[in-house]
Amino acid sequence: MVCALLSSCGSDEKKVEGNVGNIKGDWLIEEAMGKSTSGGEKEAFISFGEDGKFNGNTTVNSFFGEYSVVVEGDSLKLSNIGMTRMMGPTMEIEDAIVKALGSYSTVNVSDSTAVMLDEKGEEVLKLRKK
């Protein structure tokens, strides 16, 4: 069910503000849906590779997929998303990250931070460049 949620919700292009090219690289996921990710079983992160693929960890499970950045339209599209499905002690953090990845509408990118906002403009995911 987690995979289906990510695949169906994360496949549309999303608006990106700021320096779109800076999305590439490794990001720590600091907060998801207002919940801190510190204290998770593993470090929560997302990495956007030069090859158009991304991967990460939700503190319990790993996720992966493809992404594209459309500079002219300032959009970020996540697609072909998959995820492992193990249980662990920090599932509430994982659930928040999965929900955030499926509900973001806008991404604000700077040199060292990225914030994903929902359609109401509320923060759903806070990232810090590694």
C-alpha atoms as a PDB file:
ATOM      1  CA  MET A   1       0.000   0.000   0.000  1.00  0.00           C
ATOM      2  CA  VAL A   2       2.857   2.387   0.733  1.00  0.00           C
ATOM      3  CA  CYS A   3       4.275   1.859  -2.765  1.00  0.00           C
ATOM      4  CA  ALA A   4       0.899   2.446  -4.373  1.00  0.00           C
ATOM      5  CA  LEU A   5       0.459   5.653  -2.411  1.00  0.00           C
ATOM      6  CA  LEU A   6       3.835   6.993  -3.502  1.00  0.00           C
ATOM      7  CA  SER A   7       3.386   5.931  -7.110  1.00  0.00           C
ATOM      8  CA  SER A   8      -0.046   7.401  -7.538  1.00  0.00           C
ATOM      9  CA  CYS A   9       0.531  10.636  -5.655  1.00  0.00           C
ATOM     10  CA  GLY A  10       4.101  11.399  -6.642  1.00  0.00           C
ATOM     11  CA  SER A  11       3.912  11.099 -10.396  1.00  0.00           C
ATOM     12  CA  ASP A  12       2.678  14.582 -11.311  1.00  0.00           C
ATOM     13  CA  GLU A  13       4.987  17.504 -12.017  1.00  0.00           C
ATOM     14  CA  LYS A  14       5.359  19.803  -9.031  1.00  0.00           C
ATOM     15  CA  LYS A  15       6.361  23.475  -9.008  1.00  0.00           C
ATOM     16  CA  VAL A  16       9.947  24.254  -7.988  1.00  0.00           C
ATOM     17  CA  GLU A  17      11.056  27.679  -6.786  1.00  0.00           C
ATOM     18  CA  GLY A  18      14.623  28.841  -6.286  1.00  0.00           C
ATOM     19  CA  ASN A  19      17.647  27.183  -7.846  1.00  0.00           C
ATOM     20  CA  VAL A  20      16.134  24.070  -9.449  1.00  0.00           C
ATOM     21  CA  GLY A  21      19.559  22.664 -10.358  1.00  0.00           C
ATOM     22  CA  ASN A  22      20.478  22.499  -6.681  1.00  0.00           C
ATOM     23  CA  ILE A  23      18.040  19.628  -6.072  1.00  0.00           C
ATOM     24  CA  LYS A  24      20.712  17.180  -7.244  1.00  0.00           C
ATOM     25  CA  GLY A  25      22.772  15.655  -4.467  1.00  0.00           C
ATOM     26  CA  ASP A  26      22.270  14.237  -0.995  1.00  0.00           C
ATOM     27  CA  TRP A  27      19.718  15.680   1.438  1.00  0.00           C
ATOM     28  CA  LEU A  28      18.947  14.855   5.065  1.00  0.00           C
ATOM     29  CA  ILE A  29      15.230  14.723   5.777  1.00  0.00           C
ATOM     30  CA  GLU A  30      14.948  16.796   8.950  1.00  0.00           C
ATOM     31  CA  GLU A  31      11.168  17.026   9.280  1.00  0.00           C
ATOM     32  CA  ALA A  32       8.150  15.418   7.652  1.00  0.00           C
ATOM     33  CA  MET A  33       4.584  16.616   8.237  1.00  0.00           C
ATOM     34  CA  GLY A  34       5.846  18.658  11.210  1.00  0.00           C
ATOM     35  CA  LYS A  35       7.517  15.619  12.809  1.00  0.00           C
ATOM     36  CA  SER A  36      11.256  15.506  13.472  1.00  0.00           C
ATOM     37  CA  THR A  37      13.071  12.552  11.940  1.00  0.00           C
ATOM     38  CA  SER A  38      15.781  12.487  14.610  1.00  0.00           C
ATOM     39  CA  GLY A  39      15.860   9.316  16.668  1.00  0.00           C
ATOM     40  CA  GLY A  40      14.869   7.135  13.750  1.00  0.00           C
ATOM     41  CA  GLU A  41      16.210   3.621  13.354  1.00  0.00           C
ATOM     42  CA  LYS A  42      18.352   4.920  10.453  1.00  0.00           C
ATOM     43  CA  GLU A  43      19.079   8.410   9.157  1.00  0.00           C
ATOM     44  CA  ALA A  44      16.277   9.690   6.911  1.00  0.00           C
ATOM     45  CA  PHE A  45      17.597  10.996   3.592  1.00  0.00           C
ATOM     46  CA  ILE A  46      16.890  11.451  -0.097  1.00  0.00           C
ATOM     47  CA  SER A  47      19.531  11.571  -2.844  1.00  0.00           C
ATOM     48  CA  PHE A  48      18.924  12.934  -6.342  1.00  0.00           C
ATOM     49  CA  GLY A  49      21.531  11.509  -8.720  1.00  0.00           C
ATOM     50  CA  GLU A  50      22.971  12.985 -11.904  1.00  0.00           C
ATOM     51  CA  ASP A  51      21.353  10.089 -13.816  1.00  0.00           C
ATOM     52  CA  GLY A  52      17.752  11.105 -13.081  1.00  0.00           C
ATOM     53  CA  LYS A  53      17.301   8.532 -10.327  1.00  0.00           C
ATOM     54  CA  PHE A  54      16.676   9.113  -6.642  1.00  0.00           C
ATOM     55  CA  ASN A  55      16.824   6.927  -3.562  1.00  0.00           C
ATOM     56  CA  GLY A  56      16.484   7.383   0.142  1.00  0.00           C
ATOM     57  CA  ASN A  57      15.559   6.009   3.511  1.00  0.00           C
ATOM     58  CA  THR A  58      12.509   6.716   5.666  1.00  0.00           C
ATOM     59  CA  THR A  59      14.284   5.563   8.895  1.00  0.00           C
ATOM     60  CA  VAL A  60      13.048   1.989   8.371  1.00  0.00           C
ATOM     61  CA  ASN A  61      12.607   1.316   4.657  1.00  0.00           C
ATOM     62  CA  SER A  62      14.461   2.310   1.518  1.00  0.00           C
ATOM     63  CA  PHE A  63      12.741   3.978  -1.417  1.00  0.00           C
ATOM     64  CA  PHE A  64      13.833   4.697  -4.979  1.00  0.00           C
ATOM     65  CA  GLY A  65      12.584   5.964  -8.295  1.00  0.00           C
ATOM     66  CA  GLU A  66      13.190   8.368 -11.129  1.00  0.00           C
ATOM     67  CA  TYR A  67      12.922  12.132 -11.210  1.00  0.00           C
ATOM     68  CA  SER A  68      13.063  14.866 -13.770  1.00  0.00           C
ATOM     69  CA  VAL A  69      13.532  18.597 -13.405  1.00  0.00           C
ATOM     70  CA  VAL A  70      11.972  20.783 -16.052  1.00  0.00           C
ATOM     71  CA  VAL A  71      13.814  24.091 -15.798  1.00  0.00           C
ATOM     72  CA  GLU A  72      11.526  25.993 -18.186  1.00  0.00           C
ATOM     73  CA  GLY A  73       8.452  25.009 -16.214  1.00  0.00           C
ATOM     74  CA  ASP A  74      10.222  24.932 -12.860  1.00  0.00           C
ATOM     75  CA  SER A  75       8.802  21.521 -12.063  1.00  0.00           C
ATOM     76  CA  LEU A  76       9.965  18.366 -10.337  1.00  0.00           C
ATOM     77  CA  LYS A  77       8.436  15.044 -11.322  1.00  0.00           C
ATOM     78  CA  LEU A  78       8.897  11.849  -9.292  1.00  0.00           C
ATOM     79  CA  SER A  79       7.993   8.593 -11.052  1.00  0.00           C
ATOM     80  CA  ASN A  80       8.412   4.807 -10.963  1.00  0.00           C
ATOM     81  CA  ILE A  81       8.643   4.905  -7.182  1.00  0.00           C
ATOM     82  CA  GLY A  82       9.232   1.706  -5.240  1.00  0.00           C
ATOM     83  CA  MET A  83       9.880   0.920  -1.605  1.00  0.00           C
ATOM     84  CA  THR A  84      10.902  -1.945   0.645  1.00  0.00           C
ATOM     85  CA  ARG A  85       8.237  -3.029   3.120  1.00  0.00           C
ATOM     86  CA  MET A  86       9.754  -3.912   6.481  1.00  0.00           C
ATOM     87  CA  MET A  87       8.379  -3.064   9.916  1.00  0.00           C
ATOM     88  CA  GLY A  88      10.461  -1.199  12.457  1.00  0.00           C
ATOM     89  CA  PRO A  89      10.363   0.879  15.635  1.00  0.00           C
ATOM     90  CA  THR A  90       9.956   4.279  13.928  1.00  0.00           C
ATOM     91  CA  MET A  91       7.044   3.653  11.564  1.00  0.00           C
ATOM     92  CA  GLU A  92       5.395   6.948  12.564  1.00  0.00           C
ATOM     93  CA  ILE A  93       8.355   8.833  11.056  1.00  0.00           C
ATOM     94  CA  GLU A  94       8.213   6.666   7.943  1.00  0.00           C
ATOM     95  CA  ASP A  95       4.483   7.276   7.548  1.00  0.00           C
ATOM     96  CA  ALA A  96       5.056  11.041   7.760  1.00  0.00           C
ATOM     97  CA  ILE A  97       7.789  10.946   5.079  1.00  0.00           C
ATOM     98  CA  VAL A  98       5.660   8.818   2.735  1.00  0.00           C
ATOM     99  CA  LYS A  99       2.702  11.153   3.215  1.00  0.00           C
ATOM    100  CA  ALA A 100       4.890  14.220   2.567  1.00  0.00           C
ATOM    101  CA  LEU A 101       6.346  12.790  -0.645  1.00  0.00           C
ATOM    102  CA  GLY A 102       2.849  12.075  -1.872  1.00  0.00           C
ATOM    103  CA  SER A 103       1.338  15.431  -0.948  1.00  0.00           C
ATOM    104  CA  TYR A 104       3.884  18.074  -1.903  1.00  0.00           C
ATOM    105  CA  SER A 105       2.872  20.664  -4.463  1.00  0.00           C
ATOM    106  CA  THR A 106       5.782  23.125  -4.444  1.00  0.00           C
ATOM    107  CA  VAL A 107       9.500  22.740  -3.734  1.00  0.00           C
ATOM    108  CA  ASN A 108      11.547  25.747  -2.589  1.00  0.00           C
ATOM    109  CA  VAL A 109      15.260  25.068  -3.169  1.00  0.00           C
ATOM    110  CA  SER A 110      18.226  27.102  -1.916  1.00  0.00           C
ATOM    111  CA  ASP A 111      21.920  26.243  -1.685  1.00  0.00           C
ATOM    112  CA  SER A 112      21.641  24.302   1.572  1.00  0.00           C
ATOM    113  CA  THR A 113      17.927  23.716   2.212  1.00  0.00           C
ATOM    114  CA  ALA A 114      14.845  22.549   0.377  1.00  0.00           C
ATOM    115  CA  VAL A 115      11.276  22.763   1.608  1.00  0.00           C
ATOM    116  CA  MET A 116       8.336  20.921   0.095  1.00  0.00           C
ATOM    117  CA  LEU A 117       4.972  22.611   0.578  1.00  0.00           C
ATOM    118  CA  ASP A 118       1.455  21.295   0.092  1.00  0.00           C
ATOM    119  CA  GLU A 119      -1.233  23.024  -1.987  1.00  0.00           C
ATOM    120  CA  LYS A 120      -2.112  25.267   0.987  1.00  0.00           C
ATOM    121  CA  GLY A 121       1.521  26.426   1.256  1.00  0.00           C
ATOM    122  CA  GLU A 122       2.151  24.482   4.454  1.00  0.00           C
ATOM    123  CA  GLU A 123       5.502  22.739   4.934  1.00  0.00           C
ATOM    124  CA  VAL A 124       5.342  18.961   4.520  1.00  0.00           C
ATOM    125  CA  LEU A 125       9.050  18.104   4.156  1.00  0.00           C
ATOM    126  CA  LYS A 126      12.178  19.957   5.273  1.00  0.00           C
ATOM    127  CA  LEU A 127      15.529  18.940   3.768  1.00  0.00           C
ATOM    128  CA  ARG A 128      19.109  19.993   4.535  1.00  0.00           C
ATOM    129  CA  LYS A 129      21.963  19.425   2.077  1.00  0.00           C
ATOM    130  CA  LYS A 130      24.516  16.862   3.315  1.00  0.00           C
END
